[in-house]
Amino acid sequence: MDGLKDRLPEYRDYLGLLARAWLGPRWRAKVDPSDLVQQTLLEAHQKRDQFRGHDDQARAAWLRRILANNVADAMRAKRRQKRDHARERSLEAELDASSACLGAWLVAEQSTPSEQAMRHERAVQLADALARLPRYQREALILHYWQGCSLAEIGDRLDRSTDAVAGLLKRGLKQLRELLDNLL
């Protein structure tokens, strides 16, 4: 358990990526993903004696659950002011979709424990690399490849033309590949 405290900072970018994806642009205007990540890491540190896993995959799942609870709490707090049931989405559905997208983004389904550990490590490396990209490149990549937005939708959200979005995606992918190559 003592090693858990030392390993928590390794998950900061990974949790930040998940928080930004789960919140989406509409919620990010109201809730800061970095605040949620900080709260998650603080709670994980305080509750480290409750962690029952034995590997990185279990640790990541435990941290995702804490983050999901913090995201849900923040969204509930903001919704108390004004509720719009037509625009609300299930956090559990978001968790499943985000995890599925990240897994598909990285590699096809794998089943052995060593392959699962490698997939988890690649997810953390991907989050680290994405965190190093310029803001608009990172946002364009997440919106397009993770959330499935079209170039026009991304352009609307980022206040850019579709040609500019295509450039952001092209440069972002190139830089992401270079960063990932350097991490491996």
Protein backbone atom coordinates (compact mmCIF):
# COMPACT_ATOMS: atom_id res chain seq x y z
CA MET A 1 0.00 0.00 0.00
CA ASP A 2 2.87 2.43 0.65
CA GLY A 3 3.82 2.27 -3.04
CA LEU A 4 0.32 3.41 -3.99
CA LYS A 5 0.94 6.90 -2.64
CA ASP A 6 4.11 7.22 -4.72
CA ARG A 7 2.41 5.97 -7.90
CA LEU A 8 -0.67 8.23 -7.81
CA PRO A 9 0.92 11.16 -9.69
CA GLU A 10 1.56 8.83 -12.64
CA TYR A 11 -2.18 8.79 -13.24
CA ARG A 12 -2.72 12.58 -13.31
CA ASP A 13 -2.71 12.96 -17.12
CA TYR A 14 -4.73 9.76 -17.58
CA LEU A 15 -7.41 11.00 -15.18
CA GLY A 16 -7.31 14.45 -16.76
CA LEU A 17 -7.98 12.95 -20.17
CA LEU A 18 -10.92 10.98 -18.81
CA ALA A 19 -12.32 13.99 -16.95
CA ARG A 20 -12.15 16.21 -20.05
CA ALA A 21 -13.79 13.54 -22.18
CA TRP A 22 -16.55 12.82 -19.68
CA LEU A 23 -17.34 16.46 -19.10
CA GLY A 24 -17.31 17.56 -22.73
CA PRO A 25 -17.02 21.22 -23.75
CA ARG A 26 -20.38 22.26 -22.30
CA TRP A 27 -19.52 21.08 -18.80
CA ARG A 28 -15.88 22.18 -18.92
CA ALA A 29 -17.15 25.76 -18.98
CA LYS A 30 -18.70 25.08 -15.56
CA VAL A 31 -16.38 22.50 -14.00
CA ASP A 32 -12.58 22.45 -14.20
CA PRO A 33 -11.32 18.93 -15.01
CA SER A 34 -8.01 19.60 -13.23
CA ASP A 35 -9.91 20.33 -10.00
CA LEU A 36 -11.66 16.96 -10.32
CA VAL A 37 -8.35 15.18 -10.92
CA GLN A 38 -6.80 16.88 -7.89
CA GLN A 39 -9.80 15.90 -5.75
CA THR A 40 -9.59 12.33 -7.04
CA LEU A 41 -5.89 12.00 -6.22
CA LEU A 42 -6.46 13.52 -2.78
CA GLU A 43 -9.28 11.07 -2.04
CA ALA A 44 -7.22 8.15 -3.33
CA HIS A 45 -4.37 9.17 -1.04
CA GLN A 46 -6.74 9.49 1.93
CA LYS A 47 -8.44 6.16 1.16
CA ARG A 48 -5.33 4.24 0.09
CA ASP A 49 -5.93 1.65 2.80
CA GLN A 50 -9.23 0.78 1.05
CA PHE A 51 -7.50 -0.18 -2.21
CA ARG A 52 -7.68 -3.96 -2.57
CA GLY A 53 -6.09 -4.44 -5.98
CA HIS A 54 -2.67 -5.81 -6.74
CA ASP A 55 -1.77 -4.34 -10.13
CA ASP A 56 -1.87 -1.22 -12.27
CA GLN A 57 -5.09 -2.26 -14.00
CA ALA A 58 -6.92 -2.53 -10.67
CA ARG A 59 -5.41 0.76 -9.52
CA ALA A 60 -6.57 2.51 -12.70
CA ALA A 61 -10.09 1.08 -12.31
CA TRP A 62 -10.20 2.22 -8.67
CA LEU A 63 -9.06 5.73 -9.63
CA ARG A 64 -11.57 5.87 -12.52
CA ARG A 65 -14.38 5.01 -10.08
CA ILE A 66 -13.30 7.76 -7.66
CA LEU A 67 -13.07 10.20 -10.58
CA ALA A 68 -16.49 9.14 -11.85
CA ASN A 69 -17.98 9.83 -8.44
CA ASN A 70 -16.33 13.25 -8.34
CA VAL A 71 -17.54 14.07 -11.86
CA ALA A 72 -21.08 12.98 -10.94
CA ASP A 73 -20.99 15.06 -7.74
CA ALA A 74 -19.78 18.15 -9.61
CA MET A 75 -22.41 17.73 -12.32
CA ARG A 76 -25.15 17.26 -9.73
CA ALA A 77 -24.04 20.40 -7.92
CA LYS A 78 -24.22 22.41 -11.15
CA ARG A 79 -27.56 20.88 -12.15
CA ARG A 80 -29.20 21.93 -8.90
CA GLN A 81 -29.33 25.43 -10.29
CA LYS A 82 -31.17 24.43 -13.46
CA ARG A 83 -32.06 20.96 -14.70
CA ASP A 84 -32.53 20.03 -18.33
CA HIS A 85 -33.48 16.36 -18.48
CA ALA A 86 -33.33 16.28 -22.27
CA ARG A 87 -29.61 17.12 -22.23
CA GLU A 88 -28.51 14.89 -19.33
CA ARG A 89 -26.64 11.68 -20.06
CA SER A 90 -25.95 8.74 -17.81
CA LEU A 91 -22.50 8.88 -16.28
CA GLU A 92 -22.31 5.10 -16.36
CA ALA A 93 -22.95 5.18 -20.11
CA GLU A 94 -20.22 7.80 -20.46
CA LEU A 95 -17.80 5.65 -18.46
CA ASP A 96 -18.50 2.61 -20.60
CA ALA A 97 -18.28 4.55 -23.85
CA SER A 98 -15.08 6.35 -22.85
CA SER A 99 -13.35 3.19 -21.72
CA ALA A 100 -14.45 1.37 -24.87
CA CYS A 101 -13.24 4.21 -27.09
CA LEU A 102 -9.87 4.37 -25.37
CA GLY A 103 -9.45 0.63 -25.69
CA ALA A 104 -10.42 0.67 -29.36
CA TRP A 105 -8.13 3.61 -29.95
CA LEU A 106 -5.19 1.71 -28.58
CA VAL A 107 -5.61 -1.92 -29.63
CA ALA A 108 -8.12 -4.64 -30.38
CA GLU A 109 -9.53 -6.68 -27.48
CA GLN A 110 -6.89 -8.67 -25.64
CA SER A 111 -7.46 -11.16 -22.89
CA THR A 112 -4.32 -12.33 -21.14
CA PRO A 113 -3.27 -10.53 -17.95
CA SER A 114 0.02 -9.43 -19.48
CA GLU A 115 -1.77 -8.02 -22.53
CA GLN A 116 -4.23 -6.20 -20.26
CA ALA A 117 -1.34 -4.73 -18.28
CA MET A 118 0.33 -3.61 -21.51
CA ARG A 119 -2.93 -2.05 -22.71
CA HIS A 120 -3.26 -0.17 -19.41
CA GLU A 121 0.32 1.08 -19.70
CA ARG A 122 -0.36 2.29 -23.25
CA ALA A 123 -3.48 4.12 -22.02
CA VAL A 124 -1.41 5.96 -19.42
CA GLN A 125 1.26 6.75 -22.04
CA LEU A 126 -1.41 7.99 -24.44
CA ALA A 127 -2.85 10.28 -21.77
CA ASP A 128 0.65 11.60 -20.98
CA ALA A 129 1.33 12.26 -24.66
CA LEU A 130 -2.05 13.94 -25.21
CA ALA A 131 -1.42 16.20 -22.22
CA ARG A 132 1.75 17.46 -23.93
CA LEU A 133 -0.01 18.50 -27.12
CA PRO A 134 -1.11 22.09 -27.70
CA ARG A 135 -4.62 22.66 -26.37
CA TYR A 136 -6.51 22.85 -29.68
CA GLN A 137 -4.74 19.85 -31.17
CA ARG A 138 -5.55 17.82 -28.06
CA GLU A 139 -9.18 18.93 -28.06
CA ALA A 140 -9.59 18.20 -31.77
CA LEU A 141 -8.14 14.70 -31.38
CA ILE A 142 -10.33 13.91 -28.38
CA LEU A 143 -13.47 15.25 -30.04
CA HIS A 144 -12.84 13.43 -33.31
CA TYR A 145 -11.35 10.09 -32.29
CA TRP A 146 -12.82 9.64 -28.83
CA GLN A 147 -16.20 11.36 -29.00
CA GLY A 148 -16.80 10.73 -32.71
CA CYS A 149 -17.48 14.35 -33.70
CA SER A 150 -17.34 15.38 -37.34
CA LEU A 151 -14.96 18.07 -38.59
CA ALA A 152 -17.86 20.53 -38.78
CA GLU A 153 -18.92 19.78 -35.18
CA ILE A 154 -15.35 20.21 -33.97
CA GLY A 155 -15.10 23.45 -35.92
CA ASP A 156 -18.23 24.76 -34.20
CA ARG A 157 -16.94 23.80 -30.76
CA LEU A 158 -13.45 25.20 -31.28
CA ASP A 159 -14.56 28.18 -33.38
CA ARG A 160 -12.42 27.03 -36.32
CA SER A 161 -13.07 26.24 -40.00
CA THR A 162 -13.23 22.61 -41.10
CA ASP A 163 -9.93 23.10 -42.96
CA ALA A 164 -8.34 24.40 -39.77
CA VAL A 165 -9.73 21.41 -37.83
CA ALA A 166 -8.29 19.03 -40.44
CA GLY A 167 -4.92 20.70 -39.96
CA LEU A 168 -5.18 20.43 -36.18
CA LEU A 169 -5.96 16.72 -36.50
CA LYS A 170 -3.11 16.10 -38.95
CA ARG A 171 -0.53 17.98 -36.89
CA GLY A 172 -1.89 16.56 -33.65
CA LEU A 173 -1.67 12.96 -34.86
CA LYS A 174 1.86 13.50 -36.17
CA GLN A 175 3.02 15.04 -32.91
CA LEU A 176 1.17 12.39 -30.87
CA ARG A 177 2.93 9.60 -32.79
CA GLU A 178 6.30 11.26 -32.18
CA LEU A 179 5.60 11.64 -28.47
CA LEU A 180 4.46 8.04 -28.17
CA ASP A 181 7.54 6.82 -30.08
CA ASN A 182 9.73 8.69 -27.60
CA LEU A 183 7.87 7.18 -24.64
CA LEU A 184 8.36 3.63 -25.91
